[in-house]
Amino acid sequence: MSDKLQKFVGKFTGGKLTRRSVLGRASAIAILAAVAGFALPDAGIAAEPKKGGDFVMGLKGGESTNSLDPALSTSHVTAKALRTYGETLTEVTPEGEVIARLAESFAPREGGKTWDFTIRKGVKFHNGQEMTAEDVLKTMQRHSDEDTKSGALGIMRGIESMEVDGDTFTVHLTTPNADLPFLLSDYHLVIQPNGGLDAPGAGIGTGPYKVTADEPGIRYKFEKFADYWDATRGHYDSVEIIVINDDTARANALQSGIVHAINLVSPKTAKLLGRSPEIDIETTSGKGHYIFVMHVDTPPFDNKDLRLALKHAVNREELVDKVLAGYGKVGNDSPINEAYPLFDSTIAQRTFDLEKAKELYEKSGHDGSPIVLHVSDAAFAGALDAAQLFQQSANAAGIPLQLKPEPADGYWSEVWNKKPFAASYWGGRPVQDQMWSVGYLSTADWNDTRFKNAEFDAMLLEARGELDPEKRQEIYGKMARLVHEEGGLINPMFNQFIDGMATNVDGWETNPEGDLMNGFIAVKTWFD
């Protein structure tokens, strides 16, 4: 290839003509080939998945308290483990469409108040049992039980009843919901034998890989399941997840070839790491948000003026530039951004205003005692740096913000959703209804701001049954404004997922729903 042509290729490939970069930029390369007479290797365009090999991930977000019980998954590591060994009734594609998985098909009745799911035949669990519609029913019943600790309980509360007739699983809702198939793609709702009632943490599912080692906070090991039903997935012989919470150690593991993929690459080191000829950095703008959450039912955060003072004391642009190194977008104290359908773009952006923050703080009548923010980089990469910048700007406004660093191990079980002011992270959800239902409905177990508003709850139910998109968007806009003004969410920035991979990993898909292809990397990729 000539030097001139090599430079032209470099504009589209970042200087590395890998098979994945060719596949991801096929149109540009096709033009190049037509103009310059450049012939690609046959494998470059029509790459077929190859079978075999041992795929290893180094992941941040694992703890010794983790469980393979889908209901209890709260961390990045267990979410990836669930995608590796388990499957849900439906799945949301990278394009935002919902497709059937363990359900062969689905259809609404009664204007979306009743949904029928035809359960796929011939699917086996890792224990050799064949999956049935009864297993699906039991799974949904377990996550719907008011005594459950399931992270999916918030989205299950709209179900009035469920039943099975042969291979058909039917859901009757209290109100119509056009988004139900999207909601049932939630990673907590992995279908288990007898719904997981017998052994919820056994790690038995229907996925392409079965669990062979379960060492919470250390590693998980999987081997290919010989009786897996879908030949288009699960190309490796084995998969391993190694928990590496330290950012530097995780990057070093990728550079040295110990692992083939890592999540949550530090924005500060992403460009440097990507200079390696053996590593690709993939960035994906998504719905994930790096946040600070206040319990609005706990002093001093039960004071609206104090909450607003803290919200105006955050320099959002500075956090995006310095903490995310530009890999993100400014947030506006709502969990919803333009990546969601029916987003209301007319909500005014909250500004960084030290004078207003000072005025609101004084108006709040706070006694001047330290306002403690619990933080750990376990919440998100750069959380400590973000908190320090927040502290500096808040102190400049006369707000006595004090940081309480917390250990990474146990952060999600002992700090998040327990301490009244803490750093947190949400990966977003496929549709607005699910994000609102899981995190902001008054009865949601994962309502980590303790936001309980009857008007909001009523609007959520109204929007859920509204089939007119314009009317639904209007309702969602009102809900977002309520959270923006009344809630305990400080959302300075939305993410870009920054993933690192060895260049010999093929099959990459950009998925705005989550890091590492929304957790499907081990399921859908292969070695070239």
Protein backbone atom coordinates (compact mmCIF):
# COMPACT_ATOMS: atom_id res chain seq x y z
CA MET A 1 0.00 0.00 0.00
CA SER A 2 1.37 3.46 -0.83
CA ASP A 3 2.16 5.98 1.91
CA LYS A 4 -0.61 8.25 0.61
CA LEU A 5 -3.13 5.43 0.67
CA GLN A 6 -1.99 4.35 4.12
CA LYS A 7 -2.67 7.87 5.44
CA PHE A 8 -6.13 7.82 3.86
CA VAL A 9 -6.89 4.49 5.50
CA GLY A 10 -5.63 5.89 8.79
CA LYS A 11 -8.34 8.58 8.76
CA PHE A 12 -10.96 5.87 8.98
CA THR A 13 -9.18 3.30 11.13
CA GLY A 14 -7.21 5.38 13.59
CA GLY A 15 -4.07 4.10 11.91
CA LYS A 16 -4.86 0.43 12.54
CA LEU A 17 -6.41 -1.59 9.72
CA THR A 18 -7.92 -4.32 11.88
CA ARG A 19 -10.71 -6.64 10.84
CA ARG A 20 -13.07 -5.00 13.31
CA SER A 21 -12.25 -1.51 12.05
CA VAL A 22 -12.85 -2.67 8.48
CA LEU A 23 -16.22 -4.16 9.38
CA GLY A 24 -17.24 -1.06 11.31
CA ARG A 25 -16.32 1.28 8.47
CA ALA A 26 -17.20 -0.84 5.46
CA SER A 27 -18.72 2.01 3.48
CA ALA A 28 -15.62 4.20 3.72
CA ILE A 29 -13.32 1.32 2.81
CA ALA A 30 -15.53 0.37 -0.12
CA ILE A 31 -15.15 3.89 -1.50
CA LEU A 32 -11.42 3.70 -0.94
CA ALA A 33 -11.24 0.41 -2.83
CA ALA A 34 -13.22 1.76 -5.77
CA VAL A 35 -11.12 4.91 -6.07
CA ALA A 36 -7.68 3.47 -5.44
CA GLY A 37 -8.06 -0.06 -6.68
CA PHE A 38 -7.22 -1.32 -3.21
CA ALA A 39 -8.22 -4.94 -2.66
CA LEU A 40 -9.16 -6.06 0.84
CA PRO A 41 -8.41 -9.57 2.04
CA ASP A 42 -11.47 -11.77 1.64
CA ALA A 43 -11.78 -12.18 5.39
CA GLY A 44 -11.95 -8.39 5.89
CA ILE A 45 -15.49 -7.90 4.64
CA ALA A 46 -17.11 -11.29 4.95
CA ALA A 47 -15.71 -12.41 8.29
CA GLU A 48 -17.52 -15.44 9.65
CA PRO A 49 -17.46 -16.17 13.38
CA LYS A 50 -14.69 -18.55 14.33
CA LYS A 51 -15.12 -21.13 17.04
CA GLY A 52 -12.74 -21.81 19.88
CA GLY A 53 -10.39 -20.10 22.28
CA ASP A 54 -10.54 -18.97 25.89
CA PHE A 55 -11.88 -15.44 26.28
CA VAL A 56 -10.91 -13.52 29.43
CA MET A 57 -12.38 -10.25 30.70
CA GLY A 58 -10.90 -8.01 33.37
CA LEU A 59 -13.81 -6.18 34.96
CA LYS A 60 -14.32 -3.41 37.44
CA GLY A 61 -17.36 -3.58 39.68
CA GLY A 62 -17.06 -6.85 41.58
CA GLU A 63 -17.32 -7.48 45.31
CA SER A 64 -16.90 -10.36 47.73
CA THR A 65 -20.58 -9.97 48.63
CA ASN A 66 -21.75 -10.62 45.04
CA SER A 67 -24.18 -13.40 44.18
CA LEU A 68 -25.12 -15.09 40.91
CA ASP A 69 -28.76 -14.75 41.94
CA PRO A 70 -30.15 -12.53 39.14
CA ALA A 71 -32.45 -10.79 41.59
CA LEU A 72 -29.53 -9.53 43.66
CA SER A 73 -27.28 -8.27 40.86
CA THR A 74 -26.17 -4.70 41.51
CA SER A 75 -22.66 -4.61 40.03
CA HIS A 76 -21.00 -4.52 36.62
CA VAL A 77 -19.43 -7.93 37.17
CA THR A 78 -22.58 -9.84 38.07
CA ALA A 79 -24.47 -8.14 35.24
CA LYS A 80 -21.87 -9.46 32.77
CA ALA A 81 -22.01 -12.89 34.40
CA LEU A 82 -25.78 -12.96 33.94
CA ARG A 83 -25.45 -12.14 30.24
CA THR A 84 -22.89 -14.94 29.91
CA TYR A 85 -24.81 -17.79 31.55
CA GLY A 86 -28.42 -16.61 31.35
CA GLU A 87 -31.06 -15.27 28.99
CA THR A 88 -34.27 -13.28 29.18
CA LEU A 89 -37.56 -13.54 27.31
CA THR A 90 -36.70 -10.56 25.13
CA GLU A 91 -33.66 -8.53 24.17
CA VAL A 92 -33.13 -4.96 23.03
CA THR A 93 -30.94 -4.66 19.94
CA PRO A 94 -28.22 -2.02 19.52
CA GLU A 95 -30.69 -0.18 17.27
CA GLY A 96 -33.21 0.05 20.12
CA GLU A 97 -35.64 -2.57 18.84
CA VAL A 98 -37.03 -5.34 21.02
CA ILE A 99 -36.71 -8.92 19.75
CA ALA A 100 -37.78 -12.32 21.05
CA ARG A 101 -35.20 -14.59 22.68
CA LEU A 102 -36.51 -17.26 25.05
CA ALA A 103 -39.89 -16.12 23.90
CA GLU A 104 -40.33 -17.24 20.31
CA SER A 105 -42.86 -14.46 19.73
CA PHE A 106 -45.03 -12.02 21.64
CA ALA A 107 -48.20 -10.03 20.94
CA PRO A 108 -50.51 -7.64 22.83
CA ARG A 109 -54.22 -7.87 23.43
CA GLU A 110 -56.75 -5.44 24.89
CA GLY A 111 -54.79 -2.39 23.79
CA GLY A 112 -51.62 -3.55 25.51
CA LYS A 113 -53.20 -4.55 28.82
CA THR A 114 -52.59 -8.25 28.12
CA TRP A 115 -49.51 -9.76 26.50
CA ASP A 116 -49.00 -13.31 25.25
CA PHE A 117 -45.49 -14.74 24.99
CA THR A 118 -45.00 -18.00 23.09
CA ILE A 119 -42.13 -19.77 24.83
CA ARG A 120 -39.43 -21.29 22.66
CA LYS A 121 -39.32 -25.09 22.57
CA GLY A 122 -36.22 -27.25 22.80
CA VAL A 123 -34.25 -24.89 25.03
CA LYS A 124 -32.31 -26.62 27.79
CA PHE A 125 -31.03 -25.43 31.13
CA HIS A 126 -27.47 -26.21 32.09
CA ASN A 127 -28.74 -28.93 34.44
CA GLY A 128 -30.21 -30.79 31.45
CA GLN A 129 -33.85 -29.90 32.10
CA GLU A 130 -35.90 -28.46 29.26
CA MET A 131 -37.17 -24.95 29.83
CA THR A 132 -40.96 -24.64 29.97
CA ALA A 133 -43.48 -21.84 30.23
CA GLU A 134 -43.89 -22.88 33.87
CA ASP A 135 -40.25 -21.97 34.53
CA VAL A 136 -40.93 -18.57 33.00
CA LEU A 137 -43.98 -18.08 35.20
CA LYS A 138 -42.10 -19.08 38.36
CA THR A 139 -39.25 -16.72 37.46
CA MET A 140 -41.59 -13.79 37.04
CA GLN A 141 -43.48 -14.66 40.22
CA ARG A 142 -40.26 -14.70 42.23
CA HIS A 143 -39.26 -11.24 41.00
CA SER A 144 -42.82 -9.97 41.60
CA ASP A 145 -43.06 -11.11 45.22
CA GLU A 146 -43.27 -8.09 47.52
CA ASP A 147 -40.78 -9.79 49.86
CA THR A 148 -38.18 -10.20 47.14
CA LYS A 149 -35.00 -8.14 47.03
CA SER A 150 -35.04 -8.17 43.23
CA GLY A 151 -33.83 -5.13 41.37
CA ALA A 152 -36.66 -5.80 38.90
CA LEU A 153 -39.45 -5.50 41.47
CA GLY A 154 -40.19 -1.91 40.47
CA ILE A 155 -41.07 -2.87 36.91
CA MET A 156 -43.03 -5.96 37.97
CA ARG A 157 -45.48 -4.08 40.17
CA GLY A 158 -47.64 -3.15 37.18
CA ILE A 159 -48.55 -6.82 36.69
CA GLU A 160 -52.01 -7.83 37.88
CA SER A 161 -51.70 -11.55 37.21
CA MET A 162 -49.80 -14.12 35.15
CA GLU A 163 -50.72 -17.54 33.83
CA VAL A 164 -49.55 -20.38 31.60
CA ASP A 165 -51.50 -22.27 28.98
CA GLY A 166 -49.36 -24.84 27.21
CA ASP A 167 -46.41 -22.99 25.67
CA THR A 168 -47.99 -19.58 26.18
CA PHE A 169 -47.06 -17.34 29.08
CA THR A 170 -49.62 -14.55 29.55
CA VAL A 171 -49.25 -11.32 31.50
CA HIS A 172 -52.28 -9.28 32.57
CA LEU A 173 -51.42 -5.70 33.52
CA THR A 174 -53.27 -3.29 35.78
CA THR A 175 -53.01 -0.69 32.99
CA PRO A 176 -51.94 -1.00 29.33
CA ASN A 177 -48.20 -0.86 28.73
CA ALA A 178 -46.76 -0.81 25.23
CA ASP A 179 -43.26 -1.18 26.69
CA LEU A 180 -43.72 -4.51 28.48
CA PRO A 181 -41.52 -6.50 26.03
CA PHE A 182 -38.76 -3.94 26.61
CA LEU A 183 -39.15 -4.23 30.38
CA LEU A 184 -38.84 -8.01 30.33
CA SER A 185 -35.39 -7.68 28.76
CA ASP A 186 -34.06 -6.45 32.12
CA TYR A 187 -30.94 -8.44 32.98
CA HIS A 188 -32.35 -9.39 36.39
CA LEU A 189 -35.10 -11.40 34.70
CA VAL A 190 -32.91 -14.31 33.61
CA ILE A 191 -35.10 -17.39 33.31
CA GLN A 192 -34.14 -20.09 35.84
CA PRO A 193 -35.31 -23.64 36.55
CA ASN A 194 -38.45 -23.38 38.68
CA GLY A 195 -37.88 -19.64 38.64
CA GLY A 196 -34.82 -19.92 40.87
CA LEU A 197 -36.96 -20.77 43.86
CA ASP A 198 -34.84 -23.84 44.66
CA ALA A 199 -31.31 -22.47 44.19
CA PRO A 200 -31.37 -18.82 43.05
CA GLY A 201 -27.60 -18.34 43.19
CA ALA A 202 -26.62 -21.61 41.49
CA GLY A 203 -25.90 -19.88 38.19
CA ILE A 204 -28.03 -22.26 36.14
CA GLY A 205 -29.52 -20.69 33.03
CA THR A 206 -30.02 -21.30 29.33
CA GLY A 207 -27.12 -19.21 28.00
CA PRO A 208 -24.25 -20.29 25.76
CA TYR A 209 -21.89 -20.82 28.71
CA LYS A 210 -22.36 -22.67 31.99
CA VAL A 211 -20.76 -21.69 35.28
CA THR A 212 -17.77 -23.77 36.40
CA ALA A 213 -16.25 -21.44 39.03
CA ASP A 214 -18.03 -18.95 41.29
CA GLU A 215 -15.61 -16.93 43.42
CA PRO A 216 -17.29 -13.61 44.29
CA GLY A 217 -14.98 -10.64 44.16
CA ILE A 218 -12.27 -12.74 42.50
CA ARG A 219 -13.38 -14.53 39.35
CA TYR A 220 -16.07 -16.44 37.48
CA LYS A 221 -15.36 -19.20 35.00
CA PHE A 222 -17.65 -20.56 32.27
CA GLU A 223 -17.39 -23.28 29.66
CA LYS A 224 -19.32 -23.68 26.44
CA PHE A 225 -22.69 -25.35 26.92
CA ALA A 226 -22.90 -28.18 24.38
CA ASP A 227 -26.71 -28.13 24.21
CA TYR A 228 -27.11 -24.40 23.66
CA TRP A 229 -29.98 -23.69 21.28
CA ASP A 230 -28.60 -20.76 19.21
CA ALA A 231 -25.64 -21.54 16.94
CA THR A 232 -25.11 -17.85 16.14
CA ARG A 233 -23.86 -17.13 19.67
CA GLY A 234 -21.31 -18.50 22.10
CA HIS A 235 -18.23 -18.98 19.93
CA TYR A 236 -15.55 -19.43 22.59
CA ASP A 237 -14.61 -22.69 24.33
CA SER A 238 -14.55 -20.91 27.66
CA VAL A 239 -15.04 -17.50 29.21
CA GLU A 240 -13.50 -16.11 32.38
CA ILE A 241 -14.25 -12.95 34.32
CA ILE A 242 -11.45 -11.70 36.54
CA VAL A 243 -12.39 -8.96 39.00
CA ILE A 244 -9.84 -6.11 38.68
CA ASN A 245 -11.25 -3.05 40.38
CA ASP A 246 -8.06 -0.99 40.14
CA ASP A 247 -8.02 1.04 36.90
CA THR A 248 -4.27 0.84 36.39
CA ALA A 249 -4.08 -2.88 37.06
CA ARG A 250 -6.98 -3.49 34.67
CA ALA A 251 -5.27 -1.53 31.88
CA ASN A 252 -2.00 -3.33 32.52
CA ALA A 253 -3.76 -6.69 32.30
CA LEU A 254 -5.04 -5.77 28.84
CA GLN A 255 -1.68 -4.43 27.69
CA SER A 256 0.13 -7.56 28.84
CA GLY A 257 -2.37 -9.91 27.19
CA ILE A 258 -3.64 -11.42 30.46
CA VAL A 259 -7.17 -10.37 29.48
CA HIS A 260 -8.81 -9.71 26.11
CA ALA A 261 -11.28 -7.02 27.17
CA ILE A 262 -11.78 -4.55 30.00
CA ASN A 263 -14.65 -2.28 30.97
CA LEU A 264 -14.74 1.24 32.37
CA VAL A 265 -11.45 2.39 30.92
CA SER A 266 -10.36 5.52 32.74
CA PRO A 267 -11.00 8.55 30.48
CA LYS A 268 -7.64 9.93 31.59
CA THR A 269 -5.75 6.97 30.14
CA ALA A 270 -8.01 5.98 27.22
CA LYS A 271 -6.04 7.80 24.52
CA LEU A 272 -2.70 6.54 25.85
CA LEU A 273 -3.97 2.96 26.08
CA GLY A 274 -5.35 3.17 22.54
CA ARG A 275 -1.90 3.93 21.12
CA SER A 276 -0.94 0.30 21.54
CA PRO A 277 -1.09 -1.53 18.18
CA GLU A 278 -2.61 -4.53 19.96
CA ILE A 279 -5.50 -2.66 21.61
CA ASP A 280 -8.67 -1.05 20.30
CA ILE A 281 -10.56 1.54 22.34
CA GLU A 282 -14.30 1.58 21.66
CA THR A 283 -16.39 4.55 22.84
CA THR A 284 -20.17 4.55 22.90
CA SER A 285 -22.41 7.46 23.90
CA GLY A 286 -25.10 6.06 26.11
CA LYS A 287 -27.69 6.57 28.80
CA GLY A 288 -25.39 5.88 31.71
CA HIS A 289 -24.96 8.71 34.18
CA TYR A 290 -22.40 9.50 36.90
CA ILE A 291 -24.28 11.01 39.79
CA PHE A 292 -24.56 12.06 43.41
CA VAL A 293 -27.77 11.02 45.15
CA MET A 294 -29.43 12.63 48.16
CA HIS A 295 -32.14 10.97 50.27
CA VAL A 296 -34.89 13.57 50.17
CA ASP A 297 -36.51 12.09 53.29
CA THR A 298 -33.37 12.47 55.43
CA PRO A 299 -32.06 15.73 56.98
CA PRO A 300 -30.56 17.95 55.75
CA PHE A 301 -31.54 16.74 52.29
CA ASP A 302 -35.26 17.00 53.07
CA ASN A 303 -34.78 20.73 52.52
CA LYS A 304 -35.45 21.67 48.88
CA ASP A 305 -33.40 24.87 49.04
CA LEU A 306 -30.37 22.93 50.26
CA ARG A 307 -30.78 20.39 47.47
CA LEU A 308 -31.01 23.16 44.87
CA ALA A 309 -27.98 24.89 46.36
CA LEU A 310 -25.93 21.73 45.89
CA LYS A 311 -27.23 21.30 42.35
CA HIS A 312 -26.15 24.82 41.38
CA ALA A 313 -22.76 24.31 43.05
CA VAL A 314 -21.70 21.63 40.57
CA ASN A 315 -19.55 22.77 37.68
CA ARG A 316 -20.78 20.23 35.16
CA GLU A 317 -18.60 21.32 32.26
CA GLU A 318 -15.51 21.09 34.46
CA LEU A 319 -16.40 17.55 35.52
CA VAL A 320 -16.92 16.41 31.93
CA ASP A 321 -13.61 17.97 30.87
CA LYS A 322 -11.45 16.96 33.83
CA VAL A 323 -13.01 13.71 35.08
CA LEU A 324 -14.22 12.27 31.78
CA ALA A 325 -11.52 13.91 29.66
CA GLY A 326 -14.32 15.00 27.34
CA TYR A 327 -15.75 11.47 27.02
CA GLY A 328 -19.27 12.46 28.00
CA LYS A 329 -22.00 15.10 28.04
CA VAL A 330 -23.33 17.51 30.64
CA GLY A 331 -26.29 16.21 32.66
CA ASN A 332 -29.33 18.12 33.87
CA ASP A 333 -30.46 16.45 37.12
CA SER A 334 -32.68 13.95 35.34
CA PRO A 335 -31.80 10.36 34.38
CA ILE A 336 -33.14 10.88 30.84
CA ASN A 337 -31.18 12.28 27.90
CA GLU A 338 -31.54 12.47 24.12
CA ALA A 339 -30.60 8.80 23.79
CA TYR A 340 -34.12 7.94 24.97
CA PRO A 341 -37.22 8.01 22.78
CA LEU A 342 -39.64 10.83 23.61
CA PHE A 343 -36.99 12.94 25.34
CA ASP A 344 -38.16 16.48 26.17
CA SER A 345 -35.38 18.80 25.02
CA THR A 346 -37.18 21.96 26.21
CA ILE A 347 -36.19 21.55 29.88
CA ALA A 348 -33.81 24.41 30.71
CA GLN A 349 -30.25 23.39 31.51
CA ARG A 350 -29.34 23.94 35.15
CA THR A 351 -26.32 26.20 35.36
CA PHE A 352 -23.25 26.42 37.55
CA ASP A 353 -23.98 29.52 39.63
CA LEU A 354 -22.03 30.08 42.86
CA GLU A 355 -24.01 33.19 43.81
CA LYS A 356 -27.30 31.37 43.43
CA ALA A 357 -25.92 28.34 45.28
CA LYS A 358 -24.82 30.60 48.15
CA GLU A 359 -28.20 32.37 48.22
CA LEU A 360 -30.13 29.08 48.29
CA TYR A 361 -27.84 27.62 50.96
CA GLU A 362 -28.41 30.61 53.23
CA LYS A 363 -32.14 30.44 52.53
CA SER A 364 -32.17 26.78 53.59
CA GLY A 365 -31.23 27.73 57.14
CA HIS A 366 -28.72 24.92 57.41
CA ASP A 367 -26.74 25.03 60.67
CA GLY A 368 -23.31 24.95 59.02
CA SER A 369 -22.40 21.43 60.10
CA PRO A 370 -20.50 19.28 57.57
CA ILE A 371 -22.58 17.87 54.73
CA VAL A 372 -21.02 14.45 54.21
CA LEU A 373 -20.71 12.93 50.74
CA HIS A 374 -19.76 9.23 50.72
CA VAL A 375 -17.67 8.35 47.69
CA SER A 376 -15.52 5.64 46.15
CA ASP A 377 -14.15 5.00 42.70
CA ALA A 378 -16.19 1.81 42.88
CA ALA A 379 -19.17 4.03 42.05
CA PHE A 380 -17.58 5.11 38.77
CA ALA A 381 -14.10 5.73 37.42
CA GLY A 382 -13.02 9.14 38.67
CA ALA A 383 -15.70 9.44 41.34
CA LEU A 384 -13.18 10.66 43.94
CA ASP A 385 -11.84 13.29 41.54
CA ALA A 386 -15.39 14.39 40.69
CA ALA A 387 -16.27 14.64 44.38
CA GLN A 388 -13.17 16.73 45.11
CA LEU A 389 -14.04 19.18 42.33
CA PHE A 390 -17.61 19.30 43.62
CA GLN A 391 -16.31 19.95 47.15
CA GLN A 392 -14.12 22.82 45.95
CA SER A 393 -16.93 24.59 44.12
CA ALA A 394 -19.44 23.97 46.93
CA ASN A 395 -17.01 25.32 49.53
CA ALA A 396 -16.52 28.38 47.33
CA ALA A 397 -20.26 28.98 47.64
CA GLY A 398 -20.06 28.65 51.43
CA ILE A 399 -21.50 25.14 51.50
CA PRO A 400 -19.59 22.92 54.00
CA LEU A 401 -19.34 19.84 51.80
CA GLN A 402 -17.12 17.16 53.32
CA LEU A 403 -15.99 13.92 51.63
CA LYS A 404 -16.01 10.48 53.24
CA PRO A 405 -13.94 8.07 51.09
CA GLU A 406 -15.28 4.53 51.26
CA PRO A 407 -13.60 1.20 50.41
CA ALA A 408 -14.43 -0.27 47.01
CA ASP A 409 -15.30 -3.69 48.40
CA GLY A 410 -18.81 -3.55 49.77
CA TYR A 411 -19.60 -0.10 48.37
CA TRP A 412 -22.73 -1.24 46.53
CA SER A 413 -23.99 -3.31 49.44
CA GLU A 414 -23.02 -1.11 52.39
CA VAL A 415 -23.01 2.48 51.07
CA TRP A 416 -25.18 2.85 47.97
CA ASN A 417 -28.89 3.13 48.78
CA LYS A 418 -28.02 3.26 52.49
CA LYS A 419 -26.03 6.45 53.11
CA PRO A 420 -28.07 9.66 52.63
CA PHE A 421 -25.58 11.31 50.24
CA ALA A 422 -23.36 9.20 48.01
CA ALA A 423 -21.79 8.84 44.59
CA SER A 424 -23.57 6.43 42.27
CA TYR A 425 -23.90 5.29 38.70
CA TRP A 426 -26.82 4.14 36.58
CA GLY A 427 -26.39 2.39 33.25
CA GLY A 428 -29.72 3.56 31.90
CA ARG A 429 -32.57 1.41 30.60
CA PRO A 430 -34.04 0.70 27.14
CA VAL A 431 -37.08 2.95 27.61
CA GLN A 432 -38.07 5.84 29.87
CA ASP A 433 -40.77 3.84 31.63
CA GLN A 434 -38.23 1.33 32.89
CA MET A 435 -35.76 3.96 34.10
CA TRP A 436 -38.48 5.85 35.94
CA SER A 437 -40.07 2.66 37.30
CA VAL A 438 -36.86 1.16 38.67
CA GLY A 439 -35.33 4.30 40.14
CA TYR A 440 -38.03 6.90 40.85
CA LEU A 441 -41.40 5.26 41.46
CA SER A 442 -42.26 5.69 45.13
CA THR A 443 -42.40 1.93 45.71
CA ALA A 444 -39.21 1.06 43.79
CA ASP A 445 -36.59 -0.75 45.90
CA TRP A 446 -33.82 0.98 43.94
CA ASN A 447 -35.23 4.46 44.51
CA ASP A 448 -31.83 5.69 45.70
CA THR A 449 -32.96 9.30 46.25
CA ARG A 450 -36.05 8.30 48.27
CA PHE A 451 -38.08 10.44 45.86
CA LYS A 452 -41.73 9.71 46.63
CA ASN A 453 -44.22 11.86 44.81
CA ALA A 454 -47.84 10.86 44.25
CA GLU A 455 -48.19 13.19 41.25
CA PHE A 456 -45.14 11.63 39.63
CA ASP A 457 -46.44 8.09 40.26
CA ALA A 458 -49.79 8.96 38.70
CA MET A 459 -48.14 10.43 35.61
CA LEU A 460 -45.93 7.37 35.24
CA LEU A 461 -48.99 5.14 35.12
CA GLU A 462 -50.74 7.53 32.73
CA ALA A 463 -47.78 7.59 30.35
CA ARG A 464 -47.46 3.82 30.47
CA GLY A 465 -50.94 3.39 29.01
CA GLU A 466 -50.82 6.33 26.58
CA LEU A 467 -50.49 5.16 22.99
CA ASP A 468 -50.21 8.65 21.46
CA PRO A 469 -46.45 9.43 21.26
CA GLU A 470 -46.92 13.20 21.49
CA LYS A 471 -49.09 12.95 24.59
CA ARG A 472 -46.71 10.46 26.12
CA GLN A 473 -43.74 12.76 25.48
CA GLU A 474 -45.60 15.61 27.15
CA ILE A 475 -46.19 13.48 30.26
CA TYR A 476 -42.57 12.33 30.38
CA GLY A 477 -41.47 15.97 30.16
CA LYS A 478 -43.58 16.86 33.20
CA MET A 479 -42.12 13.90 35.11
CA ALA A 480 -38.57 14.95 34.25
CA ARG A 481 -39.29 18.50 35.42
CA LEU A 482 -40.57 17.22 38.77
CA VAL A 483 -37.41 15.21 39.36
CA HIS A 484 -35.28 18.11 38.10
CA GLU A 485 -36.82 20.54 40.59
CA GLU A 486 -37.96 18.40 43.53
CA GLY A 487 -35.74 15.32 43.43
CA GLY A 488 -32.53 14.36 45.16
CA LEU A 489 -30.62 13.59 41.97
CA ILE A 490 -27.51 15.59 41.09
CA ASN A 491 -26.61 14.43 37.59
CA PRO A 492 -23.56 16.32 36.38
CA MET A 493 -22.72 14.12 33.41
CA PHE A 494 -23.79 11.38 31.06
CA ASN A 495 -21.26 8.83 29.99
CA GLN A 496 -19.53 7.46 27.07
CA PHE A 497 -18.78 3.80 27.63
CA ILE A 498 -15.05 3.37 27.12
CA ASP A 499 -14.10 -0.26 26.54
CA GLY A 500 -10.70 -1.70 25.75
CA MET A 501 -10.16 -4.84 23.68
CA ALA A 502 -7.45 -6.85 22.08
CA THR A 503 -7.43 -6.33 18.31
CA ASN A 504 -7.95 -10.05 17.67
CA VAL A 505 -11.48 -9.88 19.11
CA ASP A 506 -14.07 -9.63 16.33
CA GLY A 507 -17.82 -9.13 16.21
CA TRP A 508 -17.97 -5.87 18.16
CA GLU A 509 -21.34 -4.06 18.22
CA THR A 510 -21.83 -0.55 19.52
CA ASN A 511 -24.66 -0.74 22.06
CA PRO A 512 -25.82 2.41 23.90
CA GLU A 513 -27.51 0.32 26.61
CA GLY A 514 -24.32 -0.61 28.43
CA ASP A 515 -20.58 -1.17 28.46
CA LEU A 516 -18.99 -4.10 26.63
CA MET A 517 -21.89 -4.40 24.17
CA ASN A 518 -24.40 -4.13 27.01
CA GLY A 519 -22.70 -7.15 28.57
CA PHE A 520 -23.04 -9.37 25.50
CA ILE A 521 -19.37 -9.26 24.49
CA ALA A 522 -18.60 -12.87 25.50
CA VAL A 523 -21.81 -14.07 23.87
CA LYS A 524 -21.47 -12.38 20.48
CA THR A 525 -17.75 -11.95 19.73
CA TRP A 526 -15.02 -14.36 18.59
CA PHE A 527 -11.29 -14.48 17.96
CA ASP A 528 -10.18 -13.72 14.39
